[in-house]
Amino acid sequence: MARHRDLIALCLQGSYSECMTVKLTIRNVSPAVRDQLAARASRQGKSIQEDLPQERERLAPHPTLEEVSDRIRQREALAATELAVDDVLNARDADRR
């Protein structure tokens, strides 16, 4: 009851996304994938309809593999800067003066 009251309060404060759920239909799932999902859910004592929303909530905050790859490429590009030994030594010596 308290959770319900809190959600109503959030809706009244304008946090609409906190109190509304969206139905999602996934099409073109192969029978093999569907069977794997059903088996995994069954091992946890759940149906696919119970398991997938929890899995979606667990995965949503994490970056995709493509996003991680992009970040790695960006960091590699920044790290690829080459400094001459003399430049490093001169910068070090300048700090000591």
Protein backbone atom coordinates (compact mmCIF):
# COMPACT_ATOMS: atom_id res chain seq x y z
CA MET A 1 0.00 0.00 0.00
CA ALA A 2 2.82 2.41 0.85
CA ARG A 3 4.51 1.68 -2.50
CA HIS A 4 1.26 2.43 -4.32
CA ARG A 5 0.87 5.70 -2.41
CA ASP A 6 4.49 6.65 -3.22
CA LEU A 7 3.91 6.02 -6.92
CA ILE A 8 0.79 8.17 -6.90
CA ALA A 9 2.77 10.93 -5.21
CA LEU A 10 5.50 10.67 -7.87
CA CYS A 11 2.89 10.92 -10.63
CA LEU A 12 1.41 14.02 -9.04
CA GLN A 13 4.89 15.57 -8.81
CA GLY A 14 5.44 15.05 -12.52
CA SER A 15 7.64 11.93 -12.43
CA TYR A 16 5.41 10.26 -14.97
CA SER A 17 8.02 7.75 -16.11
CA GLU A 18 8.34 6.40 -12.57
CA CYS A 19 4.73 5.28 -12.45
CA MET A 20 4.02 4.13 -15.99
CA THR A 21 5.09 0.89 -17.59
CA VAL A 22 5.25 0.25 -21.29
CA LYS A 23 4.28 -2.97 -23.03
CA LEU A 24 6.96 -4.29 -25.31
CA THR A 25 6.48 -6.85 -28.06
CA ILE A 26 9.47 -8.72 -29.38
CA ARG A 27 8.94 -10.17 -32.85
CA ASN A 28 10.89 -12.61 -34.99
CA VAL A 29 12.33 -14.62 -32.11
CA SER A 30 13.52 -17.98 -33.38
CA PRO A 31 12.07 -21.09 -31.73
CA ALA A 32 15.55 -22.04 -30.51
CA VAL A 33 16.00 -18.70 -28.72
CA ARG A 34 12.48 -18.85 -27.32
CA ASP A 35 13.20 -22.36 -25.97
CA GLN A 36 16.47 -21.19 -24.38
CA LEU A 37 14.70 -18.27 -22.70
CA ALA A 38 11.90 -20.54 -21.49
CA ALA A 39 14.39 -23.08 -20.12
CA ARG A 40 16.37 -20.40 -18.29
CA ALA A 41 13.22 -18.93 -16.78
CA SER A 42 11.97 -22.40 -15.82
CA ARG A 43 15.24 -23.17 -13.98
CA GLN A 44 14.51 -20.10 -11.86
CA GLY A 45 10.91 -21.18 -11.29
CA LYS A 46 9.56 -18.38 -13.51
CA SER A 47 7.80 -17.93 -16.81
CA ILE A 48 9.36 -15.99 -19.68
CA GLN A 49 6.93 -13.16 -18.92
CA GLU A 50 8.27 -12.99 -15.36
CA ASP A 51 11.94 -13.43 -16.23
CA LEU A 52 12.39 -11.05 -19.17
CA PRO A 53 11.30 -7.84 -17.41
CA GLN A 54 13.75 -8.54 -14.58
CA GLU A 55 16.51 -9.30 -17.08
CA ARG A 56 15.71 -6.13 -19.01
CA GLU A 57 15.95 -4.06 -15.81
CA ARG A 58 19.31 -5.67 -15.01
CA LEU A 59 20.74 -5.01 -18.50
CA ALA A 60 19.34 -1.54 -19.20
CA PRO A 61 21.87 0.53 -17.19
CA HIS A 62 24.89 -1.19 -18.75
CA PRO A 63 26.52 -0.02 -21.98
CA THR A 64 26.28 -2.20 -25.08
CA LEU A 65 29.36 -3.93 -26.46
CA GLU A 66 29.41 -1.37 -29.26
CA GLU A 67 29.41 1.51 -26.74
CA VAL A 68 32.25 -0.11 -24.78
CA SER A 69 34.22 -0.65 -27.99
CA ASP A 70 33.74 3.01 -28.95
CA ARG A 71 35.00 4.12 -25.53
CA ILE A 72 38.04 1.89 -25.85
CA ARG A 73 38.84 3.27 -29.31
CA GLN A 74 38.52 6.83 -28.00
CA ARG A 75 40.86 6.11 -25.08
CA GLU A 76 43.34 4.39 -27.37
CA ALA A 77 43.33 7.42 -29.66
CA LEU A 78 44.07 9.70 -26.72
CA ALA A 79 46.75 7.38 -25.36
CA ALA A 80 48.43 7.11 -28.76
CA THR A 81 50.05 10.50 -28.25
CA GLU A 82 53.79 10.06 -28.50
CA LEU A 83 56.17 12.22 -26.53
CA ALA A 84 59.84 12.50 -27.20
CA VAL A 85 62.09 11.63 -24.29
CA ASP A 86 63.61 15.11 -24.37
CA ASP A 87 60.13 16.69 -24.09
CA VAL A 88 59.33 14.59 -21.03
CA LEU A 89 62.66 15.39 -19.38
CA ASN A 90 62.32 19.10 -20.15
CA ALA A 91 58.80 19.16 -18.65
CA ARG A 92 60.05 17.35 -15.58
CA ASP A 93 62.96 19.73 -15.17
CA ALA A 94 60.72 22.77 -15.66
CA ASP A 95 58.61 21.61 -12.70
CA ARG A 96 61.70 21.44 -10.51
CA ARG A 97 62.71 25.04 -11.16
